[in-house]
Amino acid sequence: MSAAQPQRSPIDAPNPATVWVLNSDAQVRRLVDNAVQQYPLHLSLCVIFSEDFRPDVTAPPPDVVLVNLTAPTESCLSLLPEIRRQWPDTRVIFLSQSDDIHLWSEAIQIGAYEFLPRSVECHQLGWALQGALWTSRRTMSKPPASSV
């Protein structure tokens, strides 16, 4: 009799996790790079930096989309429903220069996983990425509900 295979958690899945960073500038790229290097995410990670949202429907969905909110903020927040339509299991984290509680509240109400100030410490971003990756992978690994 062979030994039982260890249970793998969704975050330890063999394919690399993907974080797509939108509207990034040099400061955001440094922050993400530092968070990924300093915070042990315990998985292989592919980080894609992009200036705008152009989903490739043939590519696998990203686990996390990190959106750097720039002016006008409303247009950036309007990306969330579009991202959720395209990839319902993808988690979205917003980084904002504004500490506006109304903006934070709106982002969370329309389905953002997290809303962080751009002054966030890299370990805080690391925690947010870890949580978002975990929940995204856990949701994606669930078997589809059977029809009755």
C-alpha atoms as a PDB file:
ATOM      1  CA  MET A   1       0.000   0.000   0.000  1.00  0.00           C
ATOM      2  CA  SER A   2       1.403   3.383  -0.942  1.00  0.00           C
ATOM      3  CA  ALA A   3       1.673   6.307   1.436  1.00  0.00           C
ATOM      4  CA  ALA A   4      -1.088   8.876   1.271  1.00  0.00           C
ATOM      5  CA  GLN A   5      -0.246  12.000  -0.697  1.00  0.00           C
ATOM      6  CA  PRO A   6      -0.074  15.153   1.442  1.00  0.00           C
ATOM      7  CA  GLN A   7      -2.998  17.546   1.039  1.00  0.00           C
ATOM      8  CA  ARG A   8      -1.894  20.657  -0.813  1.00  0.00           C
ATOM      9  CA  SER A   9      -3.435  23.940   0.127  1.00  0.00           C
ATOM     10  CA  PRO A  10      -4.848  26.053  -2.743  1.00  0.00           C
ATOM     11  CA  ILE A  11      -2.037  28.568  -2.352  1.00  0.00           C
ATOM     12  CA  ASP A  12       0.546  25.800  -2.881  1.00  0.00           C
ATOM     13  CA  ALA A  13      -0.936  24.888  -6.250  1.00  0.00           C
ATOM     14  CA  PRO A  14       1.708  23.906  -8.816  1.00  0.00           C
ATOM     15  CA  ASN A  15       0.978  26.778 -11.226  1.00  0.00           C
ATOM     16  CA  PRO A  16       2.365  30.193 -10.283  1.00  0.00           C
ATOM     17  CA  ALA A  17       0.056  32.777  -8.803  1.00  0.00           C
ATOM     18  CA  THR A  18      -0.381  35.930 -10.847  1.00  0.00           C
ATOM     19  CA  VAL A  19      -0.622  39.490  -9.545  1.00  0.00           C
ATOM     20  CA  TRP A  20      -1.497  42.087 -12.164  1.00  0.00           C
ATOM     21  CA  VAL A  21      -0.544  45.663 -11.153  1.00  0.00           C
ATOM     22  CA  LEU A  22      -2.422  48.423 -13.001  1.00  0.00           C
ATOM     23  CA  ASN A  23      -1.446  52.095 -13.311  1.00  0.00           C
ATOM     24  CA  SER A  24       1.907  51.449 -11.700  1.00  0.00           C
ATOM     25  CA  ASP A  25       4.627  54.021 -11.374  1.00  0.00           C
ATOM     26  CA  ALA A  26       8.180  53.638 -10.038  1.00  0.00           C
ATOM     27  CA  GLN A  27       7.081  54.002  -6.384  1.00  0.00           C
ATOM     28  CA  VAL A  28       4.359  51.341  -6.707  1.00  0.00           C
ATOM     29  CA  ARG A  29       6.712  48.969  -8.536  1.00  0.00           C
ATOM     30  CA  ARG A  30       9.289  49.335  -5.743  1.00  0.00           C
ATOM     31  CA  LEU A  31       6.607  48.768  -3.103  1.00  0.00           C
ATOM     32  CA  VAL A  32       5.337  45.607  -4.811  1.00  0.00           C
ATOM     33  CA  ASP A  33       8.857  44.305  -5.453  1.00  0.00           C
ATOM     34  CA  ASN A  34       9.820  44.901  -1.802  1.00  0.00           C
ATOM     35  CA  ALA A  35       6.621  43.288  -0.503  1.00  0.00           C
ATOM     36  CA  VAL A  36       7.173  40.214  -2.662  1.00  0.00           C
ATOM     37  CA  GLN A  37      10.869  39.948  -1.700  1.00  0.00           C
ATOM     38  CA  GLN A  38      10.526  40.685   2.015  1.00  0.00           C
ATOM     39  CA  TYR A  39       7.227  39.024   2.839  1.00  0.00           C
ATOM     40  CA  PRO A  40       7.262  35.230   2.463  1.00  0.00           C
ATOM     41  CA  LEU A  41       4.349  34.527   0.127  1.00  0.00           C
ATOM     42  CA  HIS A  42       5.309  30.818  -0.013  1.00  0.00           C
ATOM     43  CA  LEU A  43       4.475  30.370  -3.681  1.00  0.00           C
ATOM     44  CA  SER A  44       5.870  31.070  -7.083  1.00  0.00           C
ATOM     45  CA  LEU A  45       4.592  34.416  -8.207  1.00  0.00           C
ATOM     46  CA  CYS A  46       4.329  36.184 -11.548  1.00  0.00           C
ATOM     47  CA  VAL A  47       3.912  39.967 -11.260  1.00  0.00           C
ATOM     48  CA  ILE A  48       2.715  41.802 -14.378  1.00  0.00           C
ATOM     49  CA  PHE A  49       2.887  45.589 -14.522  1.00  0.00           C
ATOM     50  CA  SER A  50       0.465  47.266 -16.933  1.00  0.00           C
ATOM     51  CA  GLU A  51      -0.700  50.783 -17.651  1.00  0.00           C
ATOM     52  CA  ASP A  52      -4.298  49.889 -18.391  1.00  0.00           C
ATOM     53  CA  PHE A  53      -6.862  47.128 -18.212  1.00  0.00           C
ATOM     54  CA  ARG A  54      -6.863  45.028 -21.361  1.00  0.00           C
ATOM     55  CA  PRO A  55      -7.940  41.519 -20.424  1.00  0.00           C
ATOM     56  CA  ASP A  56      -6.651  38.652 -22.513  1.00  0.00           C
ATOM     57  CA  VAL A  57      -9.568  36.234 -22.523  1.00  0.00           C
ATOM     58  CA  THR A  58      -7.302  33.404 -23.682  1.00  0.00           C
ATOM     59  CA  ALA A  59      -4.918  33.767 -20.718  1.00  0.00           C
ATOM     60  CA  PRO A  60      -5.677  32.299 -17.295  1.00  0.00           C
ATOM     61  CA  PRO A  61      -7.229  34.839 -14.912  1.00  0.00           C
ATOM     62  CA  PRO A  62      -4.916  36.618 -12.499  1.00  0.00           C
ATOM     63  CA  ASP A  63      -5.296  35.721  -8.822  1.00  0.00           C
ATOM     64  CA  VAL A  64      -5.036  39.357  -7.745  1.00  0.00           C
ATOM     65  CA  VAL A  65      -5.299  42.709  -9.509  1.00  0.00           C
ATOM     66  CA  LEU A  66      -3.633  45.578  -7.654  1.00  0.00           C
ATOM     67  CA  VAL A  67      -4.927  48.944  -8.882  1.00  0.00           C
ATOM     68  CA  ASN A  68      -2.990  52.120  -8.147  1.00  0.00           C
ATOM     69  CA  LEU A  69      -5.740  54.750  -7.948  1.00  0.00           C
ATOM     70  CA  THR A  70      -4.857  57.862  -9.872  1.00  0.00           C
ATOM     71  CA  ALA A  71      -7.029  60.823 -10.839  1.00  0.00           C
ATOM     72  CA  PRO A  72      -9.801  60.570 -11.804  1.00  0.00           C
ATOM     73  CA  THR A  73     -10.579  58.051  -9.085  1.00  0.00           C
ATOM     74  CA  GLU A  74     -14.085  57.295 -10.307  1.00  0.00           C
ATOM     75  CA  SER A  75     -12.762  55.810 -13.541  1.00  0.00           C
ATOM     76  CA  CYS A  76     -10.376  53.580 -11.606  1.00  0.00           C
ATOM     77  CA  LEU A  77     -13.140  52.396  -9.283  1.00  0.00           C
ATOM     78  CA  SER A  78     -15.272  51.649 -12.333  1.00  0.00           C
ATOM     79  CA  LEU A  79     -12.665  49.025 -13.290  1.00  0.00           C
ATOM     80  CA  LEU A  80     -13.772  46.794 -10.424  1.00  0.00           C
ATOM     81  CA  PRO A  81     -17.111  45.657 -11.912  1.00  0.00           C
ATOM     82  CA  GLU A  82     -15.372  45.087 -15.252  1.00  0.00           C
ATOM     83  CA  ILE A  83     -12.640  42.989 -13.623  1.00  0.00           C
ATOM     84  CA  ARG A  84     -15.227  41.028 -11.602  1.00  0.00           C
ATOM     85  CA  ARG A  85     -17.276  40.355 -14.765  1.00  0.00           C
ATOM     86  CA  GLN A  86     -14.209  39.086 -16.598  1.00  0.00           C
ATOM     87  CA  TRP A  87     -12.743  37.124 -13.668  1.00  0.00           C
ATOM     88  CA  PRO A  88     -15.233  36.619 -10.798  1.00  0.00           C
ATOM     89  CA  ASP A  89     -12.712  34.833  -8.537  1.00  0.00           C
ATOM     90  CA  THR A  90      -9.959  37.434  -8.916  1.00  0.00           C
ATOM     91  CA  ARG A  91      -9.379  39.605  -5.852  1.00  0.00           C
ATOM     92  CA  VAL A  92      -8.850  43.351  -6.324  1.00  0.00           C
ATOM     93  CA  ILE A  93      -6.714  45.530  -4.051  1.00  0.00           C
ATOM     94  CA  PHE A  94      -6.690  49.311  -4.421  1.00  0.00           C
ATOM     95  CA  LEU A  95      -3.778  51.566  -3.491  1.00  0.00           C
ATOM     96  CA  SER A  96      -4.729  55.213  -3.077  1.00  0.00           C
ATOM     97  CA  GLN A  97      -2.982  58.490  -2.365  1.00  0.00           C
ATOM     98  CA  SER A  98      -6.208  59.610  -0.719  1.00  0.00           C
ATOM     99  CA  ASP A  99      -7.296  58.633   2.786  1.00  0.00           C
ATOM    100  CA  ASP A 100     -10.902  59.507   1.883  1.00  0.00           C
ATOM    101  CA  ILE A 101     -13.178  57.260   3.964  1.00  0.00           C
ATOM    102  CA  HIS A 102     -15.979  57.619   1.387  1.00  0.00           C
ATOM    103  CA  LEU A 103     -13.714  56.354  -1.386  1.00  0.00           C
ATOM    104  CA  TRP A 104     -12.585  53.451   0.814  1.00  0.00           C
ATOM    105  CA  SER A 105     -16.195  52.629   1.695  1.00  0.00           C
ATOM    106  CA  GLU A 106     -17.316  52.724  -1.935  1.00  0.00           C
ATOM    107  CA  ALA A 107     -14.457  50.459  -3.043  1.00  0.00           C
ATOM    108  CA  ILE A 108     -15.258  47.872  -0.371  1.00  0.00           C
ATOM    109  CA  GLN A 109     -19.016  48.057  -1.079  1.00  0.00           C
ATOM    110  CA  ILE A 110     -18.529  47.325  -4.775  1.00  0.00           C
ATOM    111  CA  GLY A 111     -16.345  44.316  -3.999  1.00  0.00           C
ATOM    112  CA  ALA A 112     -12.711  45.334  -3.461  1.00  0.00           C
ATOM    113  CA  TYR A 113     -10.772  42.838  -1.361  1.00  0.00           C
ATOM    114  CA  GLU A 114      -8.693  45.592   0.249  1.00  0.00           C
ATOM    115  CA  PHE A 115      -8.184  49.363   0.068  1.00  0.00           C
ATOM    116  CA  LEU A 116      -4.764  50.566   1.213  1.00  0.00           C
ATOM    117  CA  PRO A 117      -3.129  53.994   1.381  1.00  0.00           C
ATOM    118  CA  ARG A 118      -0.143  54.380  -0.899  1.00  0.00           C
ATOM    119  CA  SER A 119       1.916  55.106   2.200  1.00  0.00           C
ATOM    120  CA  VAL A 120       1.399  51.461   3.217  1.00  0.00           C
ATOM    121  CA  GLU A 121       4.395  49.562   4.598  1.00  0.00           C
ATOM    122  CA  CYS A 122       5.620  46.720   2.410  1.00  0.00           C
ATOM    123  CA  HIS A 123       4.774  44.115   5.088  1.00  0.00           C
ATOM    124  CA  GLN A 124       1.155  45.385   5.159  1.00  0.00           C
ATOM    125  CA  LEU A 125       0.952  45.021   1.383  1.00  0.00           C
ATOM    126  CA  GLY A 126       2.510  41.564   1.777  1.00  0.00           C
ATOM    127  CA  TRP A 127      -0.235  40.552   4.230  1.00  0.00           C
ATOM    128  CA  ALA A 128      -2.928  41.888   1.911  1.00  0.00           C
ATOM    129  CA  LEU A 129      -1.433  40.029  -1.065  1.00  0.00           C
ATOM    130  CA  GLN A 130      -1.151  36.825   0.989  1.00  0.00           C
ATOM    131  CA  GLY A 131      -4.808  37.032   2.047  1.00  0.00           C
ATOM    132  CA  ALA A 132      -6.023  37.900  -1.437  1.00  0.00           C
ATOM    133  CA  LEU A 133      -3.992  35.096  -3.013  1.00  0.00           C
ATOM    134  CA  TRP A 134      -5.239  32.612  -0.431  1.00  0.00           C
ATOM    135  CA  THR A 135      -8.924  33.467  -0.913  1.00  0.00           C
ATOM    136  CA  SER A 136      -8.602  33.658  -4.693  1.00  0.00           C
ATOM    137  CA  ARG A 137      -6.889  30.260  -4.880  1.00  0.00           C
ATOM    138  CA  ARG A 138      -9.334  28.722  -2.413  1.00  0.00           C
ATOM    139  CA  THR A 139     -12.315  29.947  -4.456  1.00  0.00           C
ATOM    140  CA  MET A 140     -10.795  28.830  -7.765  1.00  0.00           C
ATOM    141  CA  SER A 141     -10.045  25.343  -6.379  1.00  0.00           C
ATOM    142  CA  LYS A 142     -13.616  24.636  -5.250  1.00  0.00           C
ATOM    143  CA  PRO A 143     -15.406  22.093  -7.419  1.00  0.00           C
ATOM    144  CA  PRO A 144     -18.386  23.485  -9.312  1.00  0.00           C
ATOM    145  CA  ALA A 145     -21.740  23.056  -7.585  1.00  0.00           C
ATOM    146  CA  SER A 146     -23.688  20.161  -9.008  1.00  0.00           C
ATOM    147  CA  SER A 147     -27.049  20.838 -10.596  1.00  0.00           C
ATOM    148  CA  VAL A 148     -30.050  19.146  -9.090  1.00  0.00           C
END
